[in-house]
Amino acid sequence: MGFLKRKKVDDNEPRKNNIPDGLWMKCSGCQETVFRSEVEDNAHVCPACGYHHRVGAYRRIEIMVDPDSFQEINAEMETVDLLGFTAAGEPYGERIARAKQQSGLNEALVTGIARIEGVRVALGVMDGSFIMASMGAVVGEKFCRLIREAVKERVPVVVFAASGGARMHEGILALMQMAKTADAVRQINEAGLPYITILTDPTSGGVLASFASLGDIVLAEPGAYIGFAGARLIEGALKIKLPEGFQRAEFQFENGFIDKIVKRTDLREFLGKLLRMLSPERADEVLPEA
């Protein structure tokens, strides 16, 4: 019965596992192998351990806002190398070009008008794939223009922060954005409009020290790194051993730096409740129970 004979296997021949490329992924949190589609369908949160994987700006917008409600503004703004800066032999202009190609973005901050749970908002979302979402002159200017648009339209501002800090390639021009964006927050405060920030992994440096930490309500995703300077830098400078979990969202919450930690899968609904209570356009409505 020849049709029952097993095919001889050459041990030196590469074996095929018949699993399509990209079907599985290794979770950075629990190190378990999970279905990629399950993670993506769960807002890029591991269904096994709850680890929050980083997401790009447009994917986050897709997850967080009402379908087809996002209208981008100032998308055409691009960075110019005013200082002729070169790092590790690479001119800043070439670094920007490479970042654009890798990320598909013109800059590290995407801004626009959208609706979250029916409430119209001015929305800013930072994307770490563009030079670690560092803040240069264009990021600062886009933030300030977003604030002006919010004041003009009388809508709340919601910003998802993620950054490695000020962009060293732009020197003092980058550091100036800290004061500039902080002053923009003052403008929205004086206009009596809500400003909500969500700190994601990582939020650090000049972005944390300016507009990211100035929200009327400051939220964070679980496990997000939130700190001005890195733990290794602090330990090296002060010759101390930092506590476990230092500068993670949970540590910052326990010490009163943020108001609440919200899972990404719950965040859109939670923001909707906040916005319905705070939004000027909903002030005359009977509010549901929070």
Protein backbone atom coordinates (compact mmCIF):
# COMPACT_ATOMS: atom_id res chain seq x y z
CA MET A 1 0.00 0.00 0.00
CA GLY A 2 2.41 2.57 -1.33
CA PHE A 3 0.07 5.49 -0.73
CA LEU A 4 0.58 5.01 3.05
CA LYS A 5 4.32 5.28 2.87
CA ARG A 6 5.77 8.30 4.67
CA LYS A 7 7.88 10.68 2.73
CA LYS A 8 11.49 10.54 3.82
CA VAL A 9 12.50 13.77 5.56
CA ASP A 10 15.94 15.21 5.10
CA ASP A 11 17.04 16.56 8.49
CA ASN A 12 19.24 19.08 6.74
CA GLU A 13 16.33 20.49 4.73
CA PRO A 14 14.66 23.61 6.20
CA ARG A 15 11.23 22.78 7.56
CA LYS A 16 8.17 24.84 6.77
CA ASN A 17 5.80 25.57 9.64
CA ASN A 18 2.89 26.53 7.34
CA ILE A 19 2.23 29.58 9.54
CA PRO A 20 1.90 32.82 7.55
CA ASP A 21 4.47 35.49 8.34
CA GLY A 22 3.14 37.98 10.85
CA LEU A 23 0.41 35.71 12.23
CA TRP A 24 2.09 35.53 15.65
CA MET A 25 3.96 38.07 17.72
CA LYS A 26 5.90 38.00 20.97
CA CYS A 27 4.44 40.27 23.62
CA SER A 28 7.01 42.68 25.04
CA GLY A 29 5.29 42.45 28.42
CA CYS A 30 4.70 38.77 29.23
CA GLN A 31 7.04 37.40 26.52
CA GLU A 32 4.27 35.03 25.43
CA THR A 33 3.51 34.29 21.78
CA VAL A 34 0.07 35.64 20.91
CA PHE A 35 -2.01 36.12 17.78
CA ARG A 36 -1.11 39.46 16.23
CA SER A 37 -4.71 39.99 15.13
CA GLU A 38 -5.95 39.56 18.71
CA VAL A 39 -3.56 42.25 19.93
CA GLU A 40 -4.49 44.62 17.11
CA ASP A 41 -8.21 44.07 17.60
CA ASN A 42 -7.74 44.81 21.31
CA ALA A 43 -6.38 48.30 20.63
CA HIS A 44 -2.82 46.90 20.60
CA VAL A 45 -3.12 45.73 24.19
CA CYS A 46 -1.96 42.17 24.96
CA PRO A 47 -5.05 40.06 25.83
CA ALA A 48 -2.88 37.82 28.02
CA CYS A 49 -1.13 40.34 30.29
CA GLY A 50 -2.57 43.77 29.45
CA TYR A 51 0.71 45.18 28.17
CA HIS A 52 0.11 48.37 26.15
CA HIS A 53 2.10 48.25 22.91
CA ARG A 54 3.03 51.55 21.31
CA VAL A 55 0.85 52.71 18.43
CA GLY A 56 1.28 55.33 15.72
CA ALA A 57 -0.66 58.58 15.57
CA TYR A 58 -3.14 57.62 12.87
CA ARG A 59 -3.83 54.22 14.41
CA ARG A 60 -4.46 55.87 17.77
CA ILE A 61 -6.84 58.33 16.13
CA GLU A 62 -8.66 55.41 14.53
CA ILE A 63 -9.04 53.77 17.94
CA MET A 64 -10.03 56.87 19.90
CA VAL A 65 -12.30 59.05 17.78
CA ASP A 66 -15.72 58.58 16.19
CA PRO A 67 -15.50 56.98 12.72
CA ASP A 68 -14.72 59.41 9.86
CA SER A 69 -14.81 62.42 12.21
CA PHE A 70 -11.13 63.40 12.14
CA GLN A 71 -10.21 66.37 9.97
CA GLU A 72 -6.48 67.02 9.98
CA ILE A 73 -5.13 70.57 10.08
CA ASN A 74 -1.63 71.92 9.34
CA ALA A 75 -0.57 68.57 7.88
CA GLU A 76 1.67 70.31 5.34
CA MET A 77 4.00 71.88 7.92
CA GLU A 78 7.57 70.59 7.63
CA THR A 79 10.82 71.15 9.49
CA VAL A 80 13.64 73.23 8.02
CA ASP A 81 17.28 72.82 9.12
CA LEU A 82 17.96 76.37 10.24
CA LEU A 83 21.16 75.60 12.14
CA GLY A 84 22.91 73.33 9.64
CA PHE A 85 23.20 70.70 12.37
CA THR A 86 25.01 67.39 11.87
CA ALA A 87 24.98 64.45 14.29
CA ALA A 88 27.02 61.25 13.87
CA GLY A 89 27.95 62.38 10.37
CA GLU A 90 24.33 62.78 9.24
CA PRO A 91 23.01 66.27 8.39
CA TYR A 92 19.74 67.15 10.09
CA GLY A 93 18.02 67.57 6.73
CA GLU A 94 18.85 63.97 5.84
CA ARG A 95 17.66 62.79 9.26
CA ILE A 96 14.31 64.50 8.68
CA ALA A 97 14.00 62.93 5.23
CA ARG A 98 14.70 59.50 6.69
CA ALA A 99 12.15 60.05 9.47
CA LYS A 100 9.50 61.00 6.91
CA GLN A 101 10.19 57.88 4.89
CA GLN A 102 10.14 55.57 7.90
CA SER A 103 7.06 57.03 9.60
CA GLY A 104 4.98 58.30 6.71
CA LEU A 105 4.58 61.59 8.61
CA ASN A 106 5.75 65.15 8.03
CA GLU A 107 6.36 65.68 11.75
CA ALA A 108 5.97 64.04 15.16
CA LEU A 109 2.64 65.71 16.01
CA VAL A 110 -0.63 65.15 14.14
CA THR A 111 -3.37 67.70 14.81
CA GLY A 112 -6.98 68.16 13.81
CA ILE A 113 -10.63 68.44 14.77
CA ALA A 114 -12.57 65.29 15.64
CA ARG A 115 -15.42 63.92 17.73
CA ILE A 116 -14.99 61.64 20.71
CA GLU A 117 -18.22 59.96 21.80
CA GLY A 118 -20.11 62.67 19.94
CA VAL A 119 -18.24 65.63 21.47
CA ARG A 120 -16.28 67.88 19.12
CA VAL A 121 -12.64 68.37 20.21
CA ALA A 122 -9.32 69.78 19.04
CA LEU A 123 -7.04 66.75 18.98
CA GLY A 124 -3.26 66.40 19.06
CA VAL A 125 -1.50 63.02 18.83
CA MET A 126 2.26 62.51 19.03
CA ASP A 127 3.98 59.68 17.16
CA GLY A 128 7.21 58.16 18.46
CA SER A 129 8.19 56.77 15.07
CA PHE A 130 9.26 60.27 13.99
CA ILE A 131 12.59 60.85 15.79
CA MET A 132 11.09 59.58 19.06
CA ALA A 133 8.41 62.29 18.87
CA SER A 134 10.99 64.85 19.95
CA MET A 135 9.77 68.45 20.06
CA GLY A 136 11.23 70.93 17.63
CA ALA A 137 9.95 74.23 16.25
CA VAL A 138 7.29 72.66 14.04
CA VAL A 139 5.89 70.45 16.80
CA GLY A 140 5.63 73.51 19.05
CA GLU A 141 4.03 75.62 16.33
CA LYS A 142 1.50 72.91 15.43
CA PHE A 143 0.52 72.63 19.09
CA CYS A 144 0.02 76.39 19.37
CA ARG A 145 -2.05 76.50 16.19
CA LEU A 146 -4.19 73.68 17.55
CA ILE A 147 -4.85 75.73 20.68
CA ARG A 148 -5.79 78.78 18.61
CA GLU A 149 -8.20 76.65 16.59
CA ALA A 150 -9.76 75.33 19.80
CA VAL A 151 -10.26 78.85 21.15
CA LYS A 152 -11.75 79.96 17.83
CA GLU A 153 -14.14 77.00 17.65
CA ARG A 154 -14.85 76.93 21.41
CA VAL A 155 -14.02 73.23 21.79
CA PRO A 156 -12.00 71.26 24.39
CA VAL A 157 -8.43 70.17 23.67
CA VAL A 158 -7.33 66.54 23.99
CA VAL A 159 -3.62 65.73 23.54
CA PHE A 160 -1.96 62.30 23.52
CA ALA A 161 1.64 62.91 24.53
CA ALA A 162 4.59 60.67 23.71
CA SER A 163 8.10 62.03 23.44
CA GLY A 164 11.78 61.57 24.07
CA GLY A 165 12.11 65.27 24.87
CA ALA A 166 13.30 68.39 23.05
CA ARG A 167 14.99 67.79 19.68
CA MET A 168 18.73 68.32 20.09
CA HIS A 169 19.17 68.98 16.37
CA GLU A 170 17.42 72.34 16.79
CA GLY A 171 19.22 73.52 19.92
CA ILE A 172 17.71 76.57 21.60
CA LEU A 173 14.94 76.68 18.98
CA ALA A 174 13.65 73.40 20.39
CA LEU A 175 14.01 74.46 24.02
CA MET A 176 12.05 77.64 23.29
CA GLN A 177 9.01 75.51 22.48
CA MET A 178 8.62 74.64 26.16
CA ALA A 179 7.78 78.23 27.06
CA LYS A 180 5.82 78.73 23.86
CA THR A 181 3.54 75.72 24.37
CA ALA A 182 3.10 76.49 28.07
CA ASP A 183 1.89 79.96 27.11
CA ALA A 184 -0.56 78.37 24.65
CA VAL A 185 -2.00 76.37 27.54
CA ARG A 186 -2.47 79.65 29.39
CA GLN A 187 -4.54 80.90 26.47
CA ILE A 188 -6.91 77.97 26.58
CA ASN A 189 -7.20 78.31 30.35
CA GLU A 190 -8.13 81.97 29.99
CA ALA A 191 -10.70 81.01 27.34
CA GLY A 192 -12.35 78.72 29.91
CA LEU A 193 -11.97 75.59 27.78
CA PRO A 194 -11.05 72.12 29.08
CA TYR A 195 -7.58 70.76 28.37
CA ILE A 196 -7.03 67.01 28.84
CA THR A 197 -3.68 65.28 28.36
CA ILE A 198 -3.03 61.55 28.13
CA LEU A 199 0.56 60.49 28.86
CA THR A 200 1.60 57.42 26.86
CA ASP A 201 4.82 55.42 26.71
CA PRO A 202 7.21 57.22 26.84
CA THR A 203 6.53 60.84 27.82
CA SER A 204 9.70 62.57 28.94
CA GLY A 205 11.99 65.58 28.74
CA GLY A 206 10.83 68.95 27.50
CA VAL A 207 7.40 67.74 26.41
CA LEU A 208 6.64 66.44 29.90
CA ALA A 209 8.06 69.63 31.41
CA SER A 210 5.72 71.78 29.33
CA PHE A 211 2.33 71.14 27.75
CA ALA A 212 2.02 67.42 28.60
CA SER A 213 1.86 67.96 32.35
CA LEU A 214 -0.31 71.09 32.27
CA GLY A 215 -3.67 69.50 31.56
CA ASP A 216 -6.69 70.32 33.69
CA ILE A 217 -6.98 66.53 33.86
CA VAL A 218 -3.86 64.42 33.34
CA LEU A 219 -4.43 60.76 32.46
CA ALA A 220 -1.95 58.00 31.66
CA GLU A 221 -1.92 54.56 30.09
CA PRO A 222 -0.84 51.64 32.31
CA GLY A 223 2.89 51.08 32.53
CA ALA A 224 3.80 54.24 30.59
CA TYR A 225 7.25 55.69 31.25
CA ILE A 226 6.73 59.23 32.56
CA GLY A 227 9.72 61.26 33.71
CA PHE A 228 11.89 64.24 32.88
CA ALA A 229 15.27 62.46 32.99
CA GLY A 230 16.03 58.78 32.54
CA ALA A 231 16.47 56.51 35.53
CA ARG A 232 20.06 55.61 34.60
CA LEU A 233 21.00 59.28 34.32
CA ILE A 234 19.50 60.02 37.74
CA GLU A 235 21.19 57.04 39.39
CA GLY A 236 24.53 57.95 37.84
CA ALA A 237 24.34 61.60 38.81
CA LEU A 238 23.05 61.13 42.36
CA LYS A 239 24.77 57.80 43.11
CA ILE A 240 21.53 56.27 44.40
CA LYS A 241 19.37 53.25 43.64
CA LEU A 242 15.90 54.21 42.50
CA PRO A 243 12.84 52.26 43.70
CA GLU A 244 11.23 49.58 41.54
CA GLY A 245 8.83 51.03 39.00
CA PHE A 246 10.23 54.53 39.37
CA GLN A 247 8.77 56.94 36.78
CA ARG A 248 6.16 54.48 35.59
CA ALA A 249 2.53 55.61 35.42
CA GLU A 250 1.63 53.71 38.58
CA PHE A 251 4.44 55.37 40.54
CA GLN A 252 3.44 58.81 39.29
CA PHE A 253 -0.20 58.17 40.19
CA GLU A 254 0.69 57.11 43.73
CA ASN A 255 2.68 60.32 44.12
CA GLY A 256 -0.07 62.59 42.82
CA PHE A 257 1.46 63.57 39.48
CA ILE A 258 -1.40 62.20 37.37
CA ASP A 259 -5.13 62.01 38.06
CA LYS A 260 -6.00 58.55 36.79
CA ILE A 261 -4.59 55.57 34.92
CA VAL A 262 -6.99 54.34 32.24
CA LYS A 263 -6.64 51.24 30.08
CA ARG A 264 -6.56 52.01 26.37
CA THR A 265 -9.54 49.77 25.77
CA ASP A 266 -11.57 51.89 28.22
CA LEU A 267 -10.12 55.27 27.33
CA ARG A 268 -12.48 56.39 24.57
CA GLU A 269 -15.56 55.80 26.72
CA PHE A 270 -13.89 57.46 29.71
CA LEU A 271 -12.93 60.52 27.66
CA GLY A 272 -16.49 60.69 26.36
CA LYS A 273 -17.83 60.94 29.91
CA LEU A 274 -15.33 63.64 30.82
CA LEU A 275 -16.03 65.64 27.70
CA ARG A 276 -19.80 65.47 28.11
CA MET A 277 -19.38 66.94 31.57
CA LEU A 278 -16.83 69.60 30.57
CA SER A 279 -17.53 70.56 26.96
CA PRO A 280 -19.07 74.00 26.37
CA GLU A 281 -21.30 72.62 23.59
CA ARG A 282 -22.82 70.13 26.05
CA ALA A 283 -23.25 72.54 28.96
CA ASP A 284 -26.99 72.90 28.42
CA GLU A 285 -27.64 69.15 28.18
CA VAL A 286 -28.74 66.81 30.93
CA LEU A 287 -25.61 64.83 31.66
CA PRO A 288 -25.64 61.05 32.13
CA GLU A 289 -24.23 59.50 35.27
CA ALA A 290 -20.44 59.20 35.08
